[in-house]
Amino acid sequence: AFASLVMGESFTMLSEAAILGTPAILIHNTTCYYLQEQENKFGLTFNFTESESDQLKAIEKGVEILSLPDIKQVWHKRKNEMLKEKIDVTAFLVLFVKNYPASAATMKVNSDYQYNFA
């Protein structure tokens, strides 16, 4: 959370950085849905392939991001926009486990019940 930028090839680590409000650059020949969403919908991550030209583009993007005077404020705002659309998974799971099996029956009947934890 205190880093100005995270660059690497770990999907999970880069996604976690983005969720903490830290810009993240992925260098990998594949990607995953959640990183694509964080990039395309929220501008939190940037994905580049392992090709030499893309690696150079990734470095350029990193320099560009680090030259922004208000990186933390910009990414904090983007992170908050993303989190507005997500549920509180911990609260949902606590209720689900505490009320099992009734909670499982509720979810089978009304899967939108999860959105009560936004």
PDB file of N, CA and C in Angstrom:
ATOM      1  N   ALA A   1       0.826  -1.205   0.000  1.00  0.00           N
ATOM      2  CA  ALA A   1       0.000   0.000   0.000  1.00  0.00           C
ATOM      3  C   ALA A   1       0.863   1.259   0.000  1.00  0.00           C
ATOM      4  N   PHE A   2       2.095   1.153   0.450  1.00  0.00           N
ATOM      5  CA  PHE A   2       2.959   2.334   0.512  1.00  0.00           C
ATOM      6  C   PHE A   2       3.825   2.492  -0.733  1.00  0.00           C
ATOM      7  N   ALA A   3       3.768   1.517  -1.633  1.00  0.00           N
ATOM      8  CA  ALA A   3       4.552   1.594  -2.869  1.00  0.00           C
ATOM      9  C   ALA A   3       3.926   2.620  -3.818  1.00  0.00           C
ATOM     10  N   SER A   4       4.737   3.181  -4.690  1.00  0.00           N
ATOM     11  CA  SER A   4       4.236   4.098  -5.714  1.00  0.00           C
ATOM     12  C   SER A   4       3.820   3.355  -6.969  1.00  0.00           C
ATOM     13  N   LEU A   5       4.363   2.145  -7.161  1.00  0.00           N
ATOM     14  CA  LEU A   5       4.092   1.352  -8.349  1.00  0.00           C
ATOM     15  C   LEU A   5       4.542  -0.079  -8.097  1.00  0.00           C
ATOM     16  N   VAL A   6       3.776  -1.045  -8.625  1.00  0.00           N
ATOM     17  CA  VAL A   6       4.185  -2.448  -8.575  1.00  0.00           C
ATOM     18  C   VAL A   6       4.235  -2.955 -10.007  1.00  0.00           C
ATOM     19  N   MET A   7       5.341  -3.581 -10.370  1.00  0.00           N
ATOM     20  CA  MET A   7       5.514  -4.147 -11.708  1.00  0.00           C
ATOM     21  C   MET A   7       5.971  -5.585 -11.538  1.00  0.00           C
ATOM     22  N   GLY A   8       5.317  -6.511 -12.259  1.00  0.00           N
ATOM     23  CA  GLY A   8       5.731  -7.896 -12.136  1.00  0.00           C
ATOM     24  C   GLY A   8       4.904  -8.819 -12.992  1.00  0.00           C
ATOM     25  N   GLU A   9       4.973 -10.122 -12.653  1.00  0.00           N
ATOM     26  CA  GLU A   9       4.267 -11.129 -13.434  1.00  0.00           C
ATOM     27  C   GLU A   9       3.286 -11.936 -12.593  1.00  0.00           C
ATOM     28  N   SER A  10       3.048 -11.523 -11.372  1.00  0.00           N
ATOM     29  CA  SER A  10       2.136 -12.226 -10.476  1.00  0.00           C
ATOM     30  C   SER A  10       0.748 -11.598 -10.538  1.00  0.00           C
ATOM     31  N   PHE A  11      -0.212 -12.322 -11.077  1.00  0.00           N
ATOM     32  CA  PHE A  11      -1.575 -11.798 -11.198  1.00  0.00           C
ATOM     33  C   PHE A  11      -2.120 -11.362  -9.845  1.00  0.00           C
ATOM     34  N   THR A  12      -1.979 -12.238  -8.852  1.00  0.00           N
ATOM     35  CA  THR A  12      -2.558 -11.965  -7.539  1.00  0.00           C
ATOM     36  C   THR A  12      -1.929 -10.750  -6.880  1.00  0.00           C
ATOM     37  N   MET A  13      -0.611 -10.675  -6.884  1.00  0.00           N
ATOM     38  CA  MET A  13       0.067  -9.558  -6.233  1.00  0.00           C
ATOM     39  C   MET A  13      -0.305  -8.231  -6.887  1.00  0.00           C
ATOM     40  N   LEU A  14      -0.375  -8.221  -8.209  1.00  0.00           N
ATOM     41  CA  LEU A  14      -0.706  -6.978  -8.909  1.00  0.00           C
ATOM     42  C   LEU A  14      -2.148  -6.582  -8.657  1.00  0.00           C
ATOM     43  N   SER A  15      -3.049  -7.543  -8.608  1.00  0.00           N
ATOM     44  CA  SER A  15      -4.437  -7.238  -8.301  1.00  0.00           C
ATOM     45  C   SER A  15      -4.578  -6.701  -6.881  1.00  0.00           C
ATOM     46  N   GLU A  16      -3.866  -7.306  -5.948  1.00  0.00           N
ATOM     47  CA  GLU A  16      -3.909  -6.832  -4.563  1.00  0.00           C
ATOM     48  C   GLU A  16      -3.363  -5.414  -4.451  1.00  0.00           C
ATOM     49  N   ALA A  17      -2.311  -5.123  -5.183  1.00  0.00           N
ATOM     50  CA  ALA A  17      -1.777  -3.753  -5.182  1.00  0.00           C
ATOM     51  C   ALA A  17      -2.834  -2.780  -5.680  1.00  0.00           C
ATOM     52  N   ALA A  18      -3.503  -3.133  -6.771  1.00  0.00           N
ATOM     53  CA  ALA A  18      -4.539  -2.264  -7.330  1.00  0.00           C
ATOM     54  C   ALA A  18      -5.662  -2.031  -6.334  1.00  0.00           C
ATOM     55  N   ILE A  19      -6.057  -3.088  -5.627  1.00  0.00           N
ATOM     56  CA  ILE A  19      -7.133  -2.969  -4.636  1.00  0.00           C
ATOM     57  C   ILE A  19      -6.709  -2.068  -3.479  1.00  0.00           C
ATOM     58  N   LEU A  20      -5.416  -1.983  -3.225  1.00  0.00           N
ATOM     59  CA  LEU A  20      -4.897  -1.091  -2.185  1.00  0.00           C
ATOM     60  C   LEU A  20      -4.684   0.333  -2.708  1.00  0.00           C
ATOM     61  N   GLY A  21      -4.909   0.542  -4.011  1.00  0.00           N
ATOM     62  CA  GLY A  21      -4.748   1.873  -4.584  1.00  0.00           C
ATOM     63  C   GLY A  21      -3.356   2.151  -5.105  1.00  0.00           C
ATOM     64  N   THR A  22      -2.619   1.120  -5.442  1.00  0.00           N
ATOM     65  CA  THR A  22      -1.268   1.264  -5.984  1.00  0.00           C
ATOM     66  C   THR A  22      -1.279   0.865  -7.458  1.00  0.00           C
ATOM     67  N   PRO A  23      -0.771   1.707  -8.349  1.00  0.00           N
ATOM     68  CA  PRO A  23      -0.715   1.346  -9.767  1.00  0.00           C
ATOM     69  C   PRO A  23       0.058   0.045  -9.964  1.00  0.00           C
ATOM     70  N   ALA A  24      -0.411  -0.770 -10.915  1.00  0.00           N
ATOM     71  CA  ALA A  24       0.204  -2.077 -11.129  1.00  0.00           C
ATOM     72  C   ALA A  24       0.377  -2.344 -12.620  1.00  0.00           C
ATOM     73  N   ILE A  25       1.554  -2.843 -12.979  1.00  0.00           N
ATOM     74  CA  ILE A  25       1.862  -3.183 -14.367  1.00  0.00           C
ATOM     75  C   ILE A  25       2.203  -4.667 -14.435  1.00  0.00           C
ATOM     76  N   LEU A  26       1.415  -5.398 -15.226  1.00  0.00           N
ATOM     77  CA  LEU A  26       1.623  -6.826 -15.430  1.00  0.00           C
ATOM     78  C   LEU A  26       2.422  -7.035 -16.704  1.00  0.00           C
ATOM     79  N   ILE A  27       3.463  -7.860 -16.611  1.00  0.00           N
ATOM     80  CA  ILE A  27       4.212  -8.288 -17.792  1.00  0.00           C
ATOM     81  C   ILE A  27       4.076  -9.806 -17.855  1.00  0.00           C
ATOM     82  N   HIS A  28       3.208 -10.263 -18.747  1.00  0.00           N
ATOM     83  CA  HIS A  28       2.908 -11.693 -18.852  1.00  0.00           C
ATOM     84  C   HIS A  28       2.234 -11.925 -20.195  1.00  0.00           C
ATOM     85  N   ASN A  29       2.430 -13.107 -20.763  1.00  0.00           N
ATOM     86  CA  ASN A  29       1.824 -13.404 -22.062  1.00  0.00           C
ATOM     87  C   ASN A  29       0.346 -13.749 -21.985  1.00  0.00           C
ATOM     88  N   THR A  30      -0.155 -13.967 -20.781  1.00  0.00           N
ATOM     89  CA  THR A  30      -1.583 -14.195 -20.600  1.00  0.00           C
ATOM     90  C   THR A  30      -2.084 -13.212 -19.558  1.00  0.00           C
ATOM     91  N   THR A  31      -3.380 -13.175 -19.379  1.00  0.00           N
ATOM     92  CA  THR A  31      -3.961 -12.327 -18.345  1.00  0.00           C
ATOM     93  C   THR A  31      -5.161 -13.060 -17.765  1.00  0.00           C
ATOM     94  N   CYS A  32      -5.903 -12.420 -16.923  1.00  0.00           N
ATOM     95  CA  CYS A  32      -7.082 -13.032 -16.329  1.00  0.00           C
ATOM     96  C   CYS A  32      -8.196 -11.995 -16.267  1.00  0.00           C
ATOM     97  N   TYR A  33      -9.400 -12.481 -16.048  1.00  0.00           N
ATOM     98  CA  TYR A  33     -10.571 -11.608 -16.088  1.00  0.00           C
ATOM     99  C   TYR A  33     -10.453 -10.434 -15.113  1.00  0.00           C
ATOM    100  N   TYR A  34     -10.096 -10.707 -13.872  1.00  0.00           N
ATOM    101  CA  TYR A  34     -10.122  -9.634 -12.882  1.00  0.00           C
ATOM    102  C   TYR A  34      -9.084  -8.559 -13.179  1.00  0.00           C
ATOM    103  N   LEU A  35      -7.923  -8.921 -13.733  1.00  0.00           N
ATOM    104  CA  LEU A  35      -6.947  -7.894 -14.109  1.00  0.00           C
ATOM    105  C   LEU A  35      -7.418  -7.111 -15.330  1.00  0.00           C
ATOM    106  N   GLN A  36      -8.093  -7.785 -16.250  1.00  0.00           N
ATOM    107  CA  GLN A  36      -8.647  -7.075 -17.401  1.00  0.00           C
ATOM    108  C   GLN A  36      -9.697  -6.066 -16.949  1.00  0.00           C
ATOM    109  N   GLU A  37     -10.535  -6.470 -15.994  1.00  0.00           N
ATOM    110  CA  GLU A  37     -11.538  -5.544 -15.457  1.00  0.00           C
ATOM    111  C   GLU A  37     -10.861  -4.372 -14.751  1.00  0.00           C
ATOM    112  N   GLN A  38      -9.846  -4.656 -13.950  1.00  0.00           N
ATOM    113  CA  GLN A  38      -9.150  -3.582 -13.241  1.00  0.00           C
ATOM    114  C   GLN A  38      -8.476  -2.626 -14.215  1.00  0.00           C
ATOM    115  N   GLU A  39      -8.032  -3.137 -15.358  1.00  0.00           N
ATOM    116  CA  GLU A  39      -7.406  -2.276 -16.368  1.00  0.00           C
ATOM    117  C   GLU A  39      -8.453  -1.524 -17.188  1.00  0.00           C
ATOM    118  N   ASN A  40      -9.351  -2.255 -17.820  1.00  0.00           N
ATOM    119  CA  ASN A  40     -10.264  -1.659 -18.793  1.00  0.00           C
ATOM    120  C   ASN A  40     -11.384  -0.841 -18.180  1.00  0.00           C
ATOM    121  N   LYS A  41     -11.863  -1.242 -17.029  1.00  0.00           N
ATOM    122  CA  LYS A  41     -12.995  -0.558 -16.413  1.00  0.00           C
ATOM    123  C   LYS A  41     -12.581   0.509 -15.409  1.00  0.00           C
ATOM    124  N   PHE A  42     -11.458   0.265 -14.703  1.00  0.00           N
ATOM    125  CA  PHE A  42     -11.097   1.160 -13.604  1.00  0.00           C
ATOM    126  C   PHE A  42      -9.741   1.850 -13.762  1.00  0.00           C
ATOM    127  N   GLY A  43      -8.934   1.447 -14.720  1.00  0.00           N
ATOM    128  CA  GLY A  43      -7.636   2.082 -14.938  1.00  0.00           C
ATOM    129  C   GLY A  43      -6.650   1.876 -13.807  1.00  0.00           C
ATOM    130  N   LEU A  44      -6.771   0.755 -13.103  1.00  0.00           N
ATOM    131  CA  LEU A  44      -5.897   0.477 -11.956  1.00  0.00           C
ATOM    132  C   LEU A  44      -4.644  -0.293 -12.336  1.00  0.00           C
ATOM    133  N   THR A  45      -4.740  -1.125 -13.375  1.00  0.00           N
ATOM    134  CA  THR A  45      -3.613  -1.945 -13.802  1.00  0.00           C
ATOM    135  C   THR A  45      -3.362  -1.731 -15.286  1.00  0.00           C
ATOM    136  N   PHE A  46      -2.203  -2.187 -15.727  1.00  0.00           N
ATOM    137  CA  PHE A  46      -1.840  -2.135 -17.140  1.00  0.00           C
ATOM    138  C   PHE A  46      -1.191  -3.463 -17.484  1.00  0.00           C
ATOM    139  N   ASN A  47      -1.625  -4.070 -18.584  1.00  0.00           N
ATOM    140  CA  ASN A  47      -1.146  -5.399 -18.968  1.00  0.00           C
ATOM    141  C   ASN A  47      -0.304  -5.320 -20.234  1.00  0.00           C
ATOM    142  N   PHE A  48       0.866  -5.934 -20.189  1.00  0.00           N
ATOM    143  CA  PHE A  48       1.782  -5.989 -21.332  1.00  0.00           C
ATOM    144  C   PHE A  48       2.275  -7.415 -21.490  1.00  0.00           C
ATOM    145  N   THR A  49       2.571  -7.804 -22.734  1.00  0.00           N
ATOM    146  CA  THR A  49       3.118  -9.141 -22.969  1.00  0.00           C
ATOM    147  C   THR A  49       4.609  -9.146 -22.631  1.00  0.00           C
ATOM    148  N   GLU A  50       5.206 -10.324 -22.753  1.00  0.00           N
ATOM    149  CA  GLU A  50       6.624 -10.478 -22.457  1.00  0.00           C
ATOM    150  C   GLU A  50       7.518 -10.133 -23.637  1.00  0.00           C
ATOM    151  N   SER A  51       6.934  -9.710 -24.758  1.00  0.00           N
ATOM    152  CA  SER A  51       7.763  -9.352 -25.911  1.00  0.00           C
ATOM    153  C   SER A  51       8.667  -8.175 -25.551  1.00  0.00           C
ATOM    154  N   GLU A  52       9.789  -8.095 -26.227  1.00  0.00           N
ATOM    155  CA  GLU A  52      10.735  -7.016 -25.932  1.00  0.00           C
ATOM    156  C   GLU A  52      10.088  -5.651 -26.126  1.00  0.00           C
ATOM    157  N   SER A  53       9.318  -5.487 -27.183  1.00  0.00           N
ATOM    158  CA  SER A  53       8.684  -4.186 -27.432  1.00  0.00           C
ATOM    159  C   SER A  53       7.661  -3.843 -26.346  1.00  0.00           C
ATOM    160  N   ASP A  54       6.912  -4.838 -25.882  1.00  0.00           N
ATOM    161  CA  ASP A  54       5.948  -4.582 -24.816  1.00  0.00           C
ATOM    162  C   ASP A  54       6.636  -4.319 -23.479  1.00  0.00           C
ATOM    163  N   GLN A  55       7.757  -4.979 -23.238  1.00  0.00           N
ATOM    164  CA  GLN A  55       8.491  -4.700 -22.008  1.00  0.00           C
ATOM    165  C   GLN A  55       8.956  -3.241 -21.981  1.00  0.00           C
ATOM    166  N   LEU A  56       9.395  -2.753 -23.136  1.00  0.00           N
ATOM    167  CA  LEU A  56       9.795  -1.342 -23.220  1.00  0.00           C
ATOM    168  C   LEU A  56       8.594  -0.426 -23.002  1.00  0.00           C
ATOM    169  N   LYS A  57       7.433  -0.806 -23.552  1.00  0.00           N
ATOM    170  CA  LYS A  57       6.206  -0.021 -23.336  1.00  0.00           C
ATOM    171  C   LYS A  57       5.822  -0.031 -21.863  1.00  0.00           C
ATOM    172  N   ALA A  58       6.007  -1.160 -21.200  1.00  0.00           N
ATOM    173  CA  ALA A  58       5.688  -1.261 -19.773  1.00  0.00           C
ATOM    174  C   ALA A  58       6.577  -0.329 -18.959  1.00  0.00           C
ATOM    175  N   ILE A  59       7.851  -0.289 -19.298  1.00  0.00           N
ATOM    176  CA  ILE A  59       8.779   0.616 -18.600  1.00  0.00           C
ATOM    177  C   ILE A  59       8.372   2.068 -18.834  1.00  0.00           C
ATOM    178  N   GLU A  60       8.030   2.386 -20.076  1.00  0.00           N
ATOM    179  CA  GLU A  60       7.575   3.754 -20.392  1.00  0.00           C
ATOM    180  C   GLU A  60       6.320   4.102 -19.595  1.00  0.00           C
ATOM    181  N   LYS A  61       5.390   3.161 -19.493  1.00  0.00           N
ATOM    182  CA  LYS A  61       4.163   3.391 -18.727  1.00  0.00           C
ATOM    183  C   LYS A  61       4.493   3.603 -17.254  1.00  0.00           C
ATOM    184  N   GLY A  62       5.423   2.819 -16.732  1.00  0.00           N
ATOM    185  CA  GLY A  62       5.832   2.988 -15.342  1.00  0.00           C
ATOM    186  C   GLY A  62       6.427   4.355 -15.088  1.00  0.00           C
ATOM    187  N   VAL A  63       7.292   4.818 -15.988  1.00  0.00           N
ATOM    188  CA  VAL A  63       7.894   6.154 -15.854  1.00  0.00           C
ATOM    189  C   VAL A  63       6.800   7.222 -15.928  1.00  0.00           C
ATOM    190  N   GLU A  64       5.852   7.019 -16.847  1.00  0.00           N
ATOM    191  CA  GLU A  64       4.739   7.973 -16.983  1.00  0.00           C
ATOM    192  C   GLU A  64       3.932   8.061 -15.684  1.00  0.00           C
ATOM    193  N   ILE A  65       3.605   6.911 -15.126  1.00  0.00           N
ATOM    194  CA  ILE A  65       2.828   6.882 -13.877  1.00  0.00           C
ATOM    195  C   ILE A  65       3.599   7.550 -12.747  1.00  0.00           C
ATOM    196  N   LEU A  66       4.879   7.199 -12.631  1.00  0.00           N
ATOM    197  CA  LEU A  66       5.683   7.756 -11.538  1.00  0.00           C
ATOM    198  C   LEU A  66       5.914   9.256 -11.673  1.00  0.00           C
ATOM    199  N   SER A  67       5.713   9.792 -12.869  1.00  0.00           N
ATOM    200  CA  SER A  67       5.891  11.237 -13.056  1.00  0.00           C
ATOM    201  C   SER A  67       4.632  12.017 -12.684  1.00  0.00           C
ATOM    202  N   LEU A  68       3.526  11.324 -12.428  1.00  0.00           N
ATOM    203  CA  LEU A  68       2.301  12.009 -12.015  1.00  0.00           C
ATOM    204  C   LEU A  68       2.480  12.587 -10.613  1.00  0.00           C
ATOM    205  N   PRO A  69       2.130  13.829 -10.413  1.00  0.00           N
ATOM    206  CA  PRO A  69       2.334  14.434  -9.095  1.00  0.00           C
ATOM    207  C   PRO A  69       1.376  13.920  -8.018  1.00  0.00           C
ATOM    208  N   ASP A  70       0.237  13.388  -8.417  1.00  0.00           N
ATOM    209  CA  ASP A  70      -0.780  12.974  -7.447  1.00  0.00           C
ATOM    210  C   ASP A  70      -1.201  11.521  -7.645  1.00  0.00           C
ATOM    211  N   ILE A  71      -0.214  10.644  -7.804  1.00  0.00           N
ATOM    212  CA  ILE A  71      -0.483   9.231  -8.070  1.00  0.00           C
ATOM    213  C   ILE A  71      -1.441   8.642  -7.037  1.00  0.00           C
ATOM    214  N   LYS A  72      -1.118   8.781  -5.778  1.00  0.00           N
ATOM    215  CA  LYS A  72      -1.898   8.141  -4.717  1.00  0.00           C
ATOM    216  C   LYS A  72      -3.345   8.625  -4.712  1.00  0.00           C
ATOM    217  N   GLN A  73      -3.561   9.923  -4.920  1.00  0.00           N
ATOM    218  CA  GLN A  73      -4.922  10.447  -4.925  1.00  0.00           C
ATOM    219  C   GLN A  73      -5.710   9.897  -6.115  1.00  0.00           C
ATOM    220  N   VAL A  74      -5.087   9.865  -7.278  1.00  0.00           N
ATOM    221  CA  VAL A  74      -5.752   9.360  -8.487  1.00  0.00           C
ATOM    222  C   VAL A  74      -6.119   7.892  -8.315  1.00  0.00           C
ATOM    223  N   TRP A  75      -5.164   7.065  -7.868  1.00  0.00           N
ATOM    224  CA  TRP A  75      -5.432   5.635  -7.730  1.00  0.00           C
ATOM    225  C   TRP A  75      -6.372   5.350  -6.563  1.00  0.00           C
ATOM    226  N   HIS A  76      -6.333   6.161  -5.530  1.00  0.00           N
ATOM    227  CA  HIS A  76      -7.263   5.999  -4.411  1.00  0.00           C
ATOM    228  C   HIS A  76      -8.696   6.212  -4.905  1.00  0.00           C
ATOM    229  N   LYS A  77      -8.894   7.216  -5.731  1.00  0.00           N
ATOM    230  CA  LYS A  77     -10.218   7.486  -6.295  1.00  0.00           C
ATOM    231  C   LYS A  77     -10.656   6.328  -7.189  1.00  0.00           C
ATOM    232  N   ARG A  78      -9.770   5.843  -8.046  1.00  0.00           N
ATOM    233  CA  ARG A  78     -10.093   4.724  -8.938  1.00  0.00           C
ATOM    234  C   ARG A  78     -10.431   3.466  -8.132  1.00  0.00           C
ATOM    235  N   LYS A  79      -9.637   3.218  -7.097  1.00  0.00           N
ATOM    236  CA  LYS A  79      -9.874   2.058  -6.229  1.00  0.00           C
ATOM    237  C   LYS A  79     -11.250   2.149  -5.587  1.00  0.00           C
ATOM    238  N   ASN A  80     -11.601   3.321  -5.086  1.00  0.00           N
ATOM    239  CA  ASN A  80     -12.903   3.494  -4.443  1.00  0.00           C
ATOM    240  C   ASN A  80     -14.051   3.300  -5.430  1.00  0.00           C
ATOM    241  N   GLU A  81     -13.875   3.739  -6.666  1.00  0.00           N
ATOM    242  CA  GLU A  81     -14.895   3.522  -7.698  1.00  0.00           C
ATOM    243  C   GLU A  81     -15.090   2.023  -7.928  1.00  0.00           C
ATOM    244  N   MET A  82     -14.006   1.279  -7.964  1.00  0.00           N
ATOM    245  CA  MET A  82     -14.107  -0.165  -8.146  1.00  0.00           C
ATOM    246  C   MET A  82     -14.813  -0.811  -6.963  1.00  0.00           C
ATOM    247  N   LEU A  83     -14.410  -0.436  -5.751  1.00  0.00           N
ATOM    248  CA  LEU A  83     -14.970  -1.071  -4.561  1.00  0.00           C
ATOM    249  C   LEU A  83     -16.460  -0.780  -4.387  1.00  0.00           C
ATOM    250  N   LYS A  84     -16.933   0.338  -4.925  1.00  0.00           N
ATOM    251  CA  LYS A  84     -18.367   0.648  -4.869  1.00  0.00           C
ATOM    252  C   LYS A  84     -19.202  -0.421  -5.561  1.00  0.00           C
ATOM    253  N   GLU A  85     -18.605  -1.094  -6.543  1.00  0.00           N
ATOM    254  CA  GLU A  85     -19.325  -2.102  -7.320  1.00  0.00           C
ATOM    255  C   GLU A  85     -19.183  -3.513  -6.750  1.00  0.00           C
ATOM    256  N   LYS A  86     -18.420  -3.649  -5.689  1.00  0.00           N
ATOM    257  CA  LYS A  86     -18.139  -4.982  -5.151  1.00  0.00           C
ATOM    258  C   LYS A  86     -18.853  -5.180  -3.817  1.00  0.00           C
ATOM    259  N   ILE A  87     -19.032  -6.448  -3.440  1.00  0.00           N
ATOM    260  CA  ILE A  87     -19.641  -6.742  -2.147  1.00  0.00           C
ATOM    261  C   ILE A  87     -18.551  -6.916  -1.091  1.00  0.00           C
ATOM    262  N   ASP A  88     -18.947  -6.847   0.162  1.00  0.00           N
ATOM    263  CA  ASP A  88     -18.045  -7.133   1.278  1.00  0.00           C
ATOM    264  C   ASP A  88     -18.047  -8.649   1.476  1.00  0.00           C
ATOM    265  N   VAL A  89     -17.072  -9.306   0.883  1.00  0.00           N
ATOM    266  CA  VAL A  89     -17.034 -10.770   0.871  1.00  0.00           C
ATOM    267  C   VAL A  89     -16.924 -11.328   2.286  1.00  0.00           C
ATOM    268  N   THR A  90     -16.170 -10.668   3.144  1.00  0.00           N
ATOM    269  CA  THR A  90     -16.025 -11.158   4.517  1.00  0.00           C
ATOM    270  C   THR A  90     -17.364 -11.153   5.231  1.00  0.00           C
ATOM    271  N   ALA A  91     -18.102 -10.051   5.146  1.00  0.00           N
ATOM    272  CA  ALA A  91     -19.414  -9.970   5.794  1.00  0.00           C
ATOM    273  C   ALA A  91     -20.362 -11.030   5.231  1.00  0.00           C
ATOM    274  N   PHE A  92     -20.324 -11.213   3.923  1.00  0.00           N
ATOM    275  CA  PHE A  92     -21.175 -12.228   3.288  1.00  0.00           C
ATOM    276  C   PHE A  92     -20.833 -13.626   3.800  1.00  0.00           C
ATOM    277  N   LEU A  93     -19.545 -13.967   3.827  1.00  0.00           N
ATOM    278  CA  LEU A  93     -19.148 -15.310   4.249  1.00  0.00           C
ATOM    279  C   LEU A  93     -19.434 -15.565   5.724  1.00  0.00           C
ATOM    280  N   VAL A  94     -19.251 -14.544   6.563  1.00  0.00           N
ATOM    281  CA  VAL A  94     -19.557 -14.714   7.985  1.00  0.00           C
ATOM    282  C   VAL A  94     -21.037 -15.038   8.151  1.00  0.00           C
ATOM    283  N   LEU A  95     -21.896 -14.266   7.500  1.00  0.00           N
ATOM    284  CA  LEU A  95     -23.328 -14.530   7.596  1.00  0.00           C
ATOM    285  C   LEU A  95     -23.663 -15.907   7.012  1.00  0.00           C
ATOM    286  N   PHE A  96     -23.055 -16.218   5.871  1.00  0.00           N
ATOM    287  CA  PHE A  96     -23.337 -17.498   5.215  1.00  0.00           C
ATOM    288  C   PHE A  96     -22.992 -18.674   6.128  1.00  0.00           C
ATOM    289  N   VAL A  97     -21.814 -18.637   6.739  1.00  0.00           N
ATOM    290  CA  VAL A  97     -21.371 -19.738   7.601  1.00  0.00           C
ATOM    291  C   VAL A  97     -22.203 -19.798   8.876  1.00  0.00           C
ATOM    292  N   LYS A  98     -22.452 -18.646   9.482  1.00  0.00           N
ATOM    293  CA  LYS A  98     -23.221 -18.628  10.731  1.00  0.00           C
ATOM    294  C   LYS A  98     -24.646 -19.135  10.538  1.00  0.00           C
ATOM    295  N   ASN A  99     -25.212 -18.908   9.392  1.00  0.00           N
ATOM    296  CA  ASN A  99     -26.611 -19.253   9.152  1.00  0.00           C
ATOM    297  C   ASN A  99     -26.798 -20.490   8.265  1.00  0.00           C
ATOM    298  N   TYR A 100     -25.710 -21.212   8.038  1.00  0.00           N
ATOM    299  CA  TYR A 100     -25.785 -22.411   7.206  1.00  0.00           C
ATOM    300  C   TYR A 100     -26.603 -23.474   7.929  1.00  0.00           C
ATOM    301  N   PRO A 101     -27.456 -24.201   7.296  1.00  0.00           N
ATOM    302  CA  PRO A 101     -27.720 -24.347   5.871  1.00  0.00           C
ATOM    303  C   PRO A 101     -28.806 -23.408   5.334  1.00  0.00           C
ATOM    304  N   ALA A 102     -29.459 -22.640   6.214  1.00  0.00           N
ATOM    305  CA  ALA A 102     -30.512 -21.736   5.746  1.00  0.00           C
ATOM    306  C   ALA A 102     -29.971 -20.733   4.723  1.00  0.00           C
ATOM    307  N   SER A 103     -28.740 -20.285   4.931  1.00  0.00           N
ATOM    308  CA  SER A 103     -28.155 -19.313   3.997  1.00  0.00           C
ATOM    309  C   SER A 103     -27.958 -19.926   2.609  1.00  0.00           C
ATOM    310  N   ALA A 104     -27.608 -21.195   2.548  1.00  0.00           N
ATOM    311  CA  ALA A 104     -27.446 -21.869   1.255  1.00  0.00           C
ATOM    312  C   ALA A 104     -28.791 -21.956   0.548  1.00  0.00           C
ATOM    313  N   ALA A 105     -29.836 -22.239   1.294  1.00  0.00           N
ATOM    314  CA  ALA A 105     -31.177 -22.303   0.708  1.00  0.00           C
ATOM    315  C   ALA A 105     -31.594 -20.931   0.190  1.00  0.00           C
ATOM    316  N   THR A 106     -31.273 -19.883   0.947  1.00  0.00           N
ATOM    317  CA  THR A 106     -31.595 -18.518   0.519  1.00  0.00           C
ATOM    318  C   THR A 106     -30.884 -18.188  -0.783  1.00  0.00           C
ATOM    319  N   MET A 107     -29.613 -18.529  -0.883  1.00  0.00           N
ATOM    320  CA  MET A 107     -28.843 -18.231  -2.093  1.00  0.00           C
ATOM    321  C   MET A 107     -29.348 -19.019  -3.297  1.00  0.00           C
ATOM    322  N   LYS A 108     -29.845 -20.234  -3.070  1.00  0.00           N
ATOM    323  CA  LYS A 108     -30.388 -21.024  -4.178  1.00  0.00           C
ATOM    324  C   LYS A 108     -31.658 -20.380  -4.733  1.00  0.00           C
ATOM    325  N   VAL A 109     -32.441 -19.806  -3.851  1.00  0.00           N
ATOM    326  CA  VAL A 109     -33.699 -19.179  -4.264  1.00  0.00           C
ATOM    327  C   VAL A 109     -33.455 -17.779  -4.826  1.00  0.00           C
ATOM    328  N   ASN A 110     -32.519 -17.062  -4.212  1.00  0.00           N
ATOM    329  CA  ASN A 110     -32.284 -15.662  -4.597  1.00  0.00           C
ATOM    330  C   ASN A 110     -30.788 -15.357  -4.570  1.00  0.00           C
ATOM    331  N   SER A 111     -30.102 -15.618  -5.677  1.00  0.00           N
ATOM    332  CA  SER A 111     -28.657 -15.401  -5.709  1.00  0.00           C
ATOM    333  C   SER A 111     -28.300 -13.913  -5.595  1.00  0.00           C
ATOM    334  N   ASP A 112     -29.235 -13.035  -5.866  1.00  0.00           N
ATOM    335  CA  ASP A 112     -28.972 -11.599  -5.715  1.00  0.00           C
ATOM    336  C   ASP A 112     -28.876 -11.182  -4.242  1.00  0.00           C
ATOM    337  N   TYR A 113     -29.177 -12.089  -3.340  1.00  0.00           N
ATOM    338  CA  TYR A 113     -29.080 -11.785  -1.896  1.00  0.00           C
ATOM    339  C   TYR A 113     -27.673 -11.309  -1.531  1.00  0.00           C
ATOM    340  N   GLN A 114     -26.668 -11.799  -2.259  1.00  0.00           N
ATOM    341  CA  GLN A 114     -25.272 -11.403  -1.989  1.00  0.00           C
ATOM    342  C   GLN A 114     -25.069  -9.899  -2.095  1.00  0.00           C
ATOM    343  N   TYR A 115     -25.888  -9.232  -2.893  1.00  0.00           N
ATOM    344  CA  TYR A 115     -25.714  -7.794  -3.100  1.00  0.00           C
ATOM    345  C   TYR A 115     -26.178  -6.960  -1.903  1.00  0.00           C
ATOM    346  N   ASN A 116     -26.739  -7.628  -0.886  1.00  0.00           N
ATOM    347  CA  ASN A 116     -27.057  -6.934   0.362  1.00  0.00           C
ATOM    348  C   ASN A 116     -25.790  -6.581   1.132  1.00  0.00           C
ATOM    349  N   PHE A 117     -24.643  -7.045   0.682  1.00  0.00           N
ATOM    350  CA  PHE A 117     -23.375  -6.843   1.381  1.00  0.00           C
ATOM    351  C   PHE A 117     -22.477  -5.856   0.653  1.00  0.00           C
ATOM    352  N   ALA A 118     -23.067  -4.955  -0.070  1.00  0.00           N
ATOM    353  CA  ALA A 118     -22.298  -3.954  -0.836  1.00  0.00           C
ATOM    354  C   ALA A 118     -21.817  -2.843   0.071  1.00  0.00           C
TER     355      ALA A 118
END
